[in-house]
């Protein structure tokens, strides 16, 4: 038997009703696929959206659970789809880790980026080495300028 799971950014906010959402739902229902995301997947400033979604055939995966994973690097949160298991062992996180972003941390971040020489990136001809070098520098500066902060997760019921 074939099992289909569709994941991705669909550019339709599933937190609000719209004609595009209804049209997509009707199309996917013709393949028995249903949205599993009912929480924000991106929060920026004061707006929250759920444009990143996972669609599954709930008749094949009757027992499923989707939970957000806070990654503390991006304003997009990852999603974890758990299919057919005992959910009593799934940890419920009372705290989450976020980055402390304000005008001072952003200023420090941009200052350090502008002072970086970036020579190690351009001294290589291998694109993978160049990318890894860039990423290491970028993350080192990000972690030193915009620290992690532990907060109470108010989405826990």
N, C-alpha and C. Protein backbone atom coordinates (compact mmCIF):
# COMPACT_ATOMS: atom_id res chain seq x y z
N UNK A 1 0.84 -1.17 0.00
CA UNK A 1 0.00 0.00 0.00
C UNK A 1 0.89 1.24 0.00
N UNK A 2 0.54 2.24 -0.77
CA UNK A 2 1.27 3.49 -0.83
C UNK A 2 0.80 4.44 0.26
N UNK A 3 1.74 5.10 0.88
CA UNK A 3 1.43 6.12 1.88
C UNK A 3 2.01 7.43 1.39
N UNK A 4 1.20 8.48 1.40
CA UNK A 4 1.67 9.79 0.95
C UNK A 4 1.71 10.76 2.12
N UNK A 5 2.81 11.48 2.20
CA UNK A 5 2.95 12.59 3.14
C UNK A 5 3.54 13.73 2.33
N UNK A 6 2.86 14.87 2.33
CA UNK A 6 3.35 16.04 1.61
C UNK A 6 3.74 17.10 2.64
N UNK A 7 4.97 17.59 2.53
CA UNK A 7 5.47 18.61 3.45
C UNK A 7 5.97 19.79 2.63
N UNK A 8 5.80 20.98 3.17
CA UNK A 8 6.42 22.12 2.51
C UNK A 8 5.73 23.43 2.76
N UNK A 9 6.36 24.45 2.25
CA UNK A 9 5.80 25.80 2.32
C UNK A 9 4.85 25.99 1.16
N UNK A 10 3.59 26.26 1.45
CA UNK A 10 2.58 26.32 0.39
C UNK A 10 2.07 27.72 0.13
N UNK A 11 2.51 28.68 0.93
CA UNK A 11 2.14 30.09 0.77
C UNK A 11 0.64 30.34 0.94
N UNK A 12 0.00 29.49 1.72
CA UNK A 12 -1.40 29.69 2.10
C UNK A 12 -1.44 29.58 3.63
N UNK A 13 -1.91 30.63 4.27
CA UNK A 13 -1.94 30.66 5.73
C UNK A 13 -3.09 29.81 6.25
N UNK A 14 -2.77 28.70 6.89
CA UNK A 14 -3.80 27.79 7.39
C UNK A 14 -4.40 28.23 8.72
N UNK A 15 -3.97 29.38 9.23
CA UNK A 15 -4.60 29.91 10.45
C UNK A 15 -5.84 30.74 10.14
N UNK A 16 -6.04 31.08 8.85
CA UNK A 16 -7.17 31.91 8.44
C UNK A 16 -7.91 31.26 7.27
N UNK A 17 -9.21 31.42 7.26
CA UNK A 17 -10.01 30.92 6.15
C UNK A 17 -9.80 31.79 4.91
N UNK A 18 -9.70 31.14 3.75
CA UNK A 18 -9.57 31.89 2.50
C UNK A 18 -10.03 30.99 1.36
N UNK A 19 -10.29 31.60 0.22
CA UNK A 19 -10.70 30.84 -0.95
C UNK A 19 -9.57 29.92 -1.41
N UNK A 20 -8.33 30.41 -1.37
CA UNK A 20 -7.18 29.58 -1.76
C UNK A 20 -7.03 28.36 -0.85
N UNK A 21 -7.23 28.57 0.45
CA UNK A 21 -7.14 27.46 1.39
C UNK A 21 -8.23 26.43 1.09
N UNK A 22 -9.46 26.89 0.85
CA UNK A 22 -10.56 25.97 0.55
C UNK A 22 -10.31 25.21 -0.75
N UNK A 23 -9.78 25.88 -1.77
CA UNK A 23 -9.49 25.21 -3.04
C UNK A 23 -8.41 24.15 -2.87
N UNK A 24 -7.35 24.49 -2.12
CA UNK A 24 -6.29 23.51 -1.89
C UNK A 24 -6.81 22.33 -1.08
N UNK A 25 -7.59 22.61 -0.03
CA UNK A 25 -8.18 21.54 0.77
C UNK A 25 -9.02 20.59 -0.08
N UNK A 26 -9.85 21.15 -0.95
CA UNK A 26 -10.69 20.32 -1.81
C UNK A 26 -9.87 19.47 -2.76
N UNK A 27 -8.82 20.04 -3.32
CA UNK A 27 -7.94 19.28 -4.22
C UNK A 27 -7.26 18.15 -3.47
N UNK A 28 -6.70 18.45 -2.30
CA UNK A 28 -6.00 17.43 -1.54
C UNK A 28 -6.94 16.38 -0.98
N UNK A 29 -8.17 16.78 -0.64
CA UNK A 29 -9.15 15.80 -0.15
C UNK A 29 -9.50 14.77 -1.21
N UNK A 30 -9.38 15.14 -2.49
CA UNK A 30 -9.63 14.17 -3.55
C UNK A 30 -8.60 13.04 -3.52
N UNK A 31 -7.47 13.27 -2.83
CA UNK A 31 -6.45 12.24 -2.61
C UNK A 31 -6.41 11.80 -1.15
N UNK A 32 -7.45 12.12 -0.40
CA UNK A 32 -7.58 11.80 1.03
C UNK A 32 -6.49 12.46 1.87
N UNK A 33 -5.95 13.57 1.44
CA UNK A 33 -4.91 14.25 2.19
C UNK A 33 -5.51 15.41 2.99
N UNK A 34 -5.10 15.53 4.24
CA UNK A 34 -5.63 16.53 5.15
C UNK A 34 -4.48 17.26 5.83
N UNK A 35 -4.67 18.54 6.08
CA UNK A 35 -3.68 19.34 6.79
C UNK A 35 -3.55 18.87 8.23
N UNK A 36 -2.33 18.86 8.75
CA UNK A 36 -2.12 18.47 10.14
C UNK A 36 -1.66 19.63 11.02
N UNK A 37 -1.38 20.78 10.42
CA UNK A 37 -0.83 21.91 11.17
C UNK A 37 -1.98 22.83 11.60
N UNK A 38 -2.08 23.05 12.91
CA UNK A 38 -3.09 23.96 13.43
C UNK A 38 -2.49 24.95 14.44
N UNK A 39 -1.20 25.20 14.28
CA UNK A 39 -0.48 26.13 15.14
C UNK A 39 0.46 26.97 14.26
N UNK A 40 0.89 28.13 14.74
CA UNK A 40 1.79 28.96 13.93
C UNK A 40 3.11 28.27 13.66
N UNK A 41 3.57 28.37 12.42
CA UNK A 41 4.88 27.82 12.04
C UNK A 41 5.89 28.93 11.81
N UNK A 42 5.42 30.16 11.79
CA UNK A 42 6.30 31.31 11.63
C UNK A 42 5.71 32.46 12.44
N UNK A 43 6.53 33.02 13.30
CA UNK A 43 6.10 34.18 14.07
C UNK A 43 7.15 35.26 13.85
N UNK A 44 6.70 36.40 13.35
CA UNK A 44 7.60 37.51 13.10
C UNK A 44 6.90 38.79 13.53
N UNK A 45 7.57 39.55 14.39
CA UNK A 45 6.98 40.74 14.99
C UNK A 45 5.68 40.35 15.68
N UNK A 46 4.54 40.84 15.20
CA UNK A 46 3.26 40.51 15.85
C UNK A 46 2.39 39.60 15.00
N UNK A 47 2.90 39.12 13.87
CA UNK A 47 2.08 38.28 13.00
C UNK A 47 2.51 36.82 13.09
N UNK A 48 1.54 35.94 13.05
CA UNK A 48 1.79 34.51 13.08
C UNK A 48 1.11 33.87 11.88
N UNK A 49 1.81 32.95 11.22
CA UNK A 49 1.24 32.27 10.07
C UNK A 49 1.50 30.77 10.16
N UNK A 50 0.76 30.03 9.38
CA UNK A 50 0.97 28.58 9.26
C UNK A 50 0.99 28.26 7.77
N UNK A 51 2.05 28.68 7.09
CA UNK A 51 2.18 28.43 5.66
C UNK A 51 3.01 27.19 5.37
N UNK A 52 3.72 26.70 6.36
CA UNK A 52 4.49 25.46 6.22
C UNK A 52 3.60 24.36 6.78
N UNK A 53 3.32 23.36 5.97
CA UNK A 53 2.31 22.39 6.38
C UNK A 53 2.75 20.98 6.09
N UNK A 54 2.06 20.04 6.72
CA UNK A 54 2.23 18.61 6.46
C UNK A 54 0.84 18.07 6.18
N UNK A 55 0.69 17.41 5.04
CA UNK A 55 -0.59 16.81 4.65
C UNK A 55 -0.43 15.30 4.63
N UNK A 56 -1.35 14.61 5.30
CA UNK A 56 -1.31 13.15 5.35
C UNK A 56 -2.70 12.59 5.08
N UNK A 57 -2.73 11.31 4.75
CA UNK A 57 -3.98 10.59 4.60
C UNK A 57 -4.37 10.07 5.99
N UNK A 58 -5.31 10.75 6.64
CA UNK A 58 -5.66 10.38 8.02
C UNK A 58 -6.36 9.03 8.11
N UNK A 59 -6.86 8.51 6.99
CA UNK A 59 -7.44 7.17 7.04
C UNK A 59 -6.34 6.10 7.13
N UNK A 60 -5.14 6.42 6.62
CA UNK A 60 -4.01 5.49 6.72
C UNK A 60 -3.19 5.73 7.98
N UNK A 61 -3.18 6.98 8.44
CA UNK A 61 -2.42 7.35 9.62
C UNK A 61 -3.38 7.92 10.66
N UNK A 62 -4.30 7.08 11.15
CA UNK A 62 -5.30 7.56 12.09
C UNK A 62 -4.65 8.09 13.36
N UNK A 63 -3.59 7.47 13.78
CA UNK A 63 -2.91 7.88 15.00
C UNK A 63 -1.68 8.70 14.61
N UNK A 64 -1.79 10.02 14.79
CA UNK A 64 -0.66 10.90 14.46
C UNK A 64 -0.67 12.12 15.36
N UNK A 65 0.48 12.74 15.46
CA UNK A 65 0.61 13.95 16.25
C UNK A 65 1.67 14.83 15.61
N UNK A 66 1.42 16.13 15.58
CA UNK A 66 2.40 17.09 15.06
C UNK A 66 2.70 18.08 16.17
N UNK A 67 3.97 18.33 16.39
CA UNK A 67 4.38 19.26 17.43
C UNK A 67 5.45 20.19 16.89
N UNK A 68 5.46 21.45 17.34
CA UNK A 68 6.51 22.36 16.87
C UNK A 68 7.84 22.07 17.57
N UNK A 69 8.93 22.35 16.86
CA UNK A 69 10.27 22.26 17.43
C UNK A 69 10.90 23.63 17.29
N UNK A 70 11.17 24.28 18.40
CA UNK A 70 11.78 25.60 18.37
C UNK A 70 13.26 25.44 18.05
N UNK A 71 13.72 26.09 16.98
CA UNK A 71 15.12 25.90 16.59
C UNK A 71 16.03 27.06 16.97
N UNK A 72 15.50 28.16 17.42
CA UNK A 72 16.24 29.29 17.97
C UNK A 72 17.18 29.97 16.99
N UNK A 73 17.16 29.59 15.73
CA UNK A 73 18.00 30.24 14.74
C UNK A 73 17.14 31.00 13.75
N UNK A 74 16.07 30.40 13.32
CA UNK A 74 15.19 30.99 12.32
C UNK A 74 13.87 31.39 12.97
N UNK A 75 13.14 32.28 12.32
CA UNK A 75 11.80 32.59 12.82
C UNK A 75 10.78 31.56 12.33
N UNK A 76 11.23 30.59 11.53
CA UNK A 76 10.41 29.44 11.18
C UNK A 76 10.69 28.33 12.18
N UNK A 77 9.66 27.74 12.73
CA UNK A 77 9.85 26.59 13.61
C UNK A 77 9.71 25.31 12.81
N UNK A 78 10.47 24.31 13.18
CA UNK A 78 10.36 23.00 12.53
C UNK A 78 9.13 22.29 13.07
N UNK A 79 8.69 21.29 12.36
CA UNK A 79 7.56 20.48 12.79
C UNK A 79 7.99 19.03 12.87
N UNK A 80 7.50 18.34 13.89
CA UNK A 80 7.78 16.93 14.05
C UNK A 80 6.47 16.17 13.90
N UNK A 81 6.41 15.27 12.93
CA UNK A 81 5.23 14.42 12.71
C UNK A 81 5.53 13.06 13.29
N UNK A 82 4.70 12.64 14.24
CA UNK A 82 4.84 11.32 14.86
C UNK A 82 3.62 10.51 14.45
N UNK A 83 3.88 9.35 13.86
CA UNK A 83 2.79 8.52 13.33
C UNK A 83 2.72 7.21 14.10
N UNK A 84 1.50 6.89 14.56
CA UNK A 84 1.22 5.59 15.16
C UNK A 84 2.10 5.20 16.32
N UNK A 85 2.03 5.95 17.40
CA UNK A 85 2.83 5.63 18.57
C UNK A 85 2.05 5.97 19.83
N UNK A 86 2.60 5.60 20.95
CA UNK A 86 2.01 5.95 22.24
C UNK A 86 2.50 7.34 22.60
N UNK A 87 1.61 8.32 22.59
CA UNK A 87 2.00 9.70 22.79
C UNK A 87 2.26 10.05 24.25
N UNK A 88 2.03 9.15 25.15
CA UNK A 88 2.26 9.47 26.55
C UNK A 88 3.75 9.66 26.85
N UNK A 89 4.63 9.18 25.94
CA UNK A 89 6.07 9.32 26.14
C UNK A 89 6.66 10.53 25.42
N UNK A 90 5.82 11.26 24.69
CA UNK A 90 6.32 12.43 23.97
C UNK A 90 6.49 13.56 24.97
N UNK A 91 7.70 14.12 25.05
CA UNK A 91 7.92 15.16 26.05
C UNK A 91 7.16 16.44 25.74
N UNK A 92 6.61 17.05 26.76
CA UNK A 92 5.96 18.35 26.63
C UNK A 92 6.91 19.35 27.26
N UNK A 93 7.38 20.27 26.46
CA UNK A 93 8.37 21.23 26.92
C UNK A 93 7.68 22.43 27.56
N UNK A 94 7.97 22.68 28.83
CA UNK A 94 7.38 23.82 29.52
C UNK A 94 8.17 25.09 29.23
N UNK A 95 9.38 24.92 28.75
CA UNK A 95 10.22 26.06 28.43
C UNK A 95 10.67 25.95 26.98
N UNK A 96 10.93 27.09 26.37
CA UNK A 96 11.49 27.08 25.03
C UNK A 96 12.64 28.06 24.99
N UNK A 97 13.50 27.85 24.04
CA UNK A 97 14.67 28.70 23.89
C UNK A 97 14.48 29.60 22.68
N UNK A 98 14.68 30.88 22.88
CA UNK A 98 14.56 31.85 21.79
C UNK A 98 15.82 32.69 21.77
N UNK A 99 16.02 33.43 20.71
CA UNK A 99 17.13 34.37 20.63
C UNK A 99 16.66 35.73 21.16
N UNK A 100 17.49 36.35 21.93
CA UNK A 100 17.19 37.68 22.48
C UNK A 100 17.55 38.71 21.41
N UNK A 101 16.56 39.15 20.64
CA UNK A 101 16.79 40.07 19.54
C UNK A 101 16.23 41.44 19.90
N UNK A 102 17.10 42.42 19.91
CA UNK A 102 16.70 43.80 20.13
C UNK A 102 17.67 44.70 19.37
N UNK A 103 17.52 46.00 19.48
CA UNK A 103 18.37 46.90 18.68
C UNK A 103 19.84 46.80 19.09
N UNK A 104 20.13 46.45 20.33
CA UNK A 104 21.51 46.33 20.79
C UNK A 104 22.17 45.06 20.27
N UNK A 105 21.45 43.94 20.33
CA UNK A 105 22.04 42.68 19.85
C UNK A 105 22.18 42.69 18.33
N UNK A 106 21.22 43.28 17.64
CA UNK A 106 21.31 43.39 16.17
C UNK A 106 22.46 44.31 15.78
N UNK A 107 22.63 45.40 16.50
CA UNK A 107 23.74 46.32 16.24
C UNK A 107 25.07 45.62 16.45
N UNK A 108 25.20 44.87 17.53
CA UNK A 108 26.43 44.12 17.79
C UNK A 108 26.68 43.10 16.69
N UNK A 109 25.64 42.42 16.26
CA UNK A 109 25.73 41.41 15.20
C UNK A 109 26.22 42.04 13.89
N UNK A 110 25.60 43.13 13.48
CA UNK A 110 25.99 43.77 12.21
C UNK A 110 27.39 44.37 12.31
N UNK A 111 27.75 44.89 13.47
CA UNK A 111 29.10 45.42 13.68
C UNK A 111 30.15 44.33 13.50
N UNK A 112 29.92 43.19 14.16
CA UNK A 112 30.88 42.08 14.06
C UNK A 112 30.94 41.52 12.63
N UNK A 113 29.79 41.46 11.95
CA UNK A 113 29.81 41.01 10.56
C UNK A 113 30.63 41.94 9.69
N UNK A 114 30.48 43.24 9.90
CA UNK A 114 31.19 44.21 9.06
C UNK A 114 32.69 44.21 9.34
N UNK A 115 33.10 43.81 10.55
CA UNK A 115 34.52 43.78 10.90
C UNK A 115 35.20 42.47 10.50
N UNK A 116 34.43 41.49 10.11
CA UNK A 116 34.99 40.18 9.73
C UNK A 116 35.72 40.31 8.40
N UNK A 117 36.88 39.68 8.25
CA UNK A 117 37.65 39.81 7.01
C UNK A 117 37.13 38.90 5.89
N UNK A 118 36.57 37.78 6.21
CA UNK A 118 36.00 36.83 5.25
C UNK A 118 37.05 36.22 4.32
N UNK A 119 38.33 36.39 4.64
CA UNK A 119 39.40 35.87 3.78
C UNK A 119 39.36 34.35 3.64
N UNK A 120 39.01 33.67 4.73
CA UNK A 120 39.02 32.20 4.68
C UNK A 120 38.00 31.66 3.69
N UNK A 121 36.97 32.42 3.41
CA UNK A 121 35.95 31.98 2.45
C UNK A 121 36.50 32.04 1.03
N UNK A 122 37.14 33.14 0.69
CA UNK A 122 37.56 33.36 -0.68
C UNK A 122 38.92 32.77 -1.00
N UNK A 123 39.57 32.13 -0.02
CA UNK A 123 40.86 31.48 -0.26
C UNK A 123 40.69 30.06 -0.79
N UNK A 124 39.47 29.62 -0.96
CA UNK A 124 39.21 28.27 -1.43
C UNK A 124 38.49 28.32 -2.78
N UNK A 125 38.65 27.25 -3.55
CA UNK A 125 37.95 27.14 -4.83
C UNK A 125 36.79 26.14 -4.73
N UNK A 126 36.72 25.43 -3.60
CA UNK A 126 35.69 24.41 -3.39
C UNK A 126 34.46 25.09 -2.77
N UNK A 127 33.32 25.02 -3.47
CA UNK A 127 32.10 25.69 -3.01
C UNK A 127 31.65 25.17 -1.65
N UNK A 128 31.81 23.89 -1.39
CA UNK A 128 31.39 23.33 -0.10
C UNK A 128 32.26 23.87 1.03
N UNK A 129 33.57 23.93 0.81
CA UNK A 129 34.48 24.48 1.81
C UNK A 129 34.16 25.96 2.04
N UNK A 130 33.89 26.68 0.95
CA UNK A 130 33.55 28.10 1.07
C UNK A 130 32.27 28.29 1.89
N UNK A 131 31.25 27.49 1.59
CA UNK A 131 29.98 27.61 2.31
C UNK A 131 30.16 27.27 3.78
N UNK A 132 30.85 26.16 4.07
CA UNK A 132 31.07 25.77 5.47
C UNK A 132 31.86 26.82 6.23
N UNK A 133 32.84 27.43 5.58
CA UNK A 133 33.60 28.49 6.22
C UNK A 133 32.71 29.69 6.51
N UNK A 134 31.91 30.09 5.54
CA UNK A 134 30.96 31.19 5.74
C UNK A 134 30.01 30.88 6.89
N UNK A 135 29.43 29.68 6.87
CA UNK A 135 28.46 29.31 7.90
C UNK A 135 29.10 29.31 9.29
N UNK A 136 30.32 28.81 9.41
CA UNK A 136 31.00 28.80 10.71
C UNK A 136 31.21 30.22 11.23
N UNK A 137 31.65 31.11 10.36
CA UNK A 137 31.86 32.50 10.77
C UNK A 137 30.54 33.14 11.17
N UNK A 138 29.53 32.98 10.32
CA UNK A 138 28.22 33.58 10.55
C UNK A 138 27.62 33.10 11.88
N UNK A 139 27.64 31.79 12.09
CA UNK A 139 27.05 31.25 13.32
C UNK A 139 27.86 31.65 14.56
N UNK A 140 29.18 31.71 14.46
CA UNK A 140 30.01 32.15 15.59
C UNK A 140 29.61 33.57 16.00
N UNK A 141 29.43 34.44 15.02
CA UNK A 141 29.04 35.81 15.31
C UNK A 141 27.60 35.87 15.82
N UNK A 142 26.72 35.11 15.20
CA UNK A 142 25.32 35.09 15.65
C UNK A 142 25.23 34.65 17.11
N UNK A 143 25.89 33.56 17.45
CA UNK A 143 25.80 33.04 18.81
C UNK A 143 26.43 33.98 19.83
N UNK A 144 27.46 34.70 19.43
CA UNK A 144 28.09 35.62 20.38
C UNK A 144 27.32 36.94 20.51
N UNK A 145 26.62 37.34 19.47
CA UNK A 145 25.92 38.63 19.49
C UNK A 145 24.48 38.53 19.94
N UNK A 146 23.81 37.47 19.55
CA UNK A 146 22.38 37.34 19.85
C UNK A 146 22.20 36.06 20.68
N UNK A 147 22.32 36.19 21.99
CA UNK A 147 22.32 35.01 22.86
C UNK A 147 20.95 34.34 22.96
N UNK A 148 21.00 33.10 23.39
CA UNK A 148 19.77 32.36 23.65
C UNK A 148 19.17 32.81 24.98
N UNK A 149 17.86 32.73 25.04
CA UNK A 149 17.13 33.10 26.25
C UNK A 149 16.07 32.03 26.49
N UNK A 150 15.96 31.53 27.70
CA UNK A 150 14.95 30.52 28.03
C UNK A 150 13.71 31.24 28.53
N UNK A 151 12.55 30.91 27.93
CA UNK A 151 11.28 31.52 28.32
C UNK A 151 10.25 30.43 28.57
N UNK A 152 9.18 30.78 29.26
CA UNK A 152 8.08 29.85 29.50
C UNK A 152 7.30 29.68 28.22
N UNK A 153 7.04 28.43 27.82
CA UNK A 153 6.26 28.13 26.63
C UNK A 153 4.78 28.24 26.97
N UNK A 154 4.14 29.30 26.56
CA UNK A 154 2.73 29.55 26.90
C UNK A 154 1.76 28.77 26.01
N UNK A 155 2.30 28.04 25.01
CA UNK A 155 1.43 27.25 24.13
C UNK A 155 1.08 25.90 24.72
N UNK A 156 1.66 25.55 25.86
CA UNK A 156 1.39 24.26 26.51
C UNK A 156 0.03 24.35 27.19
N UNK A 157 -0.81 23.35 26.95
CA UNK A 157 -2.13 23.35 27.58
C UNK A 157 -2.16 22.40 28.75
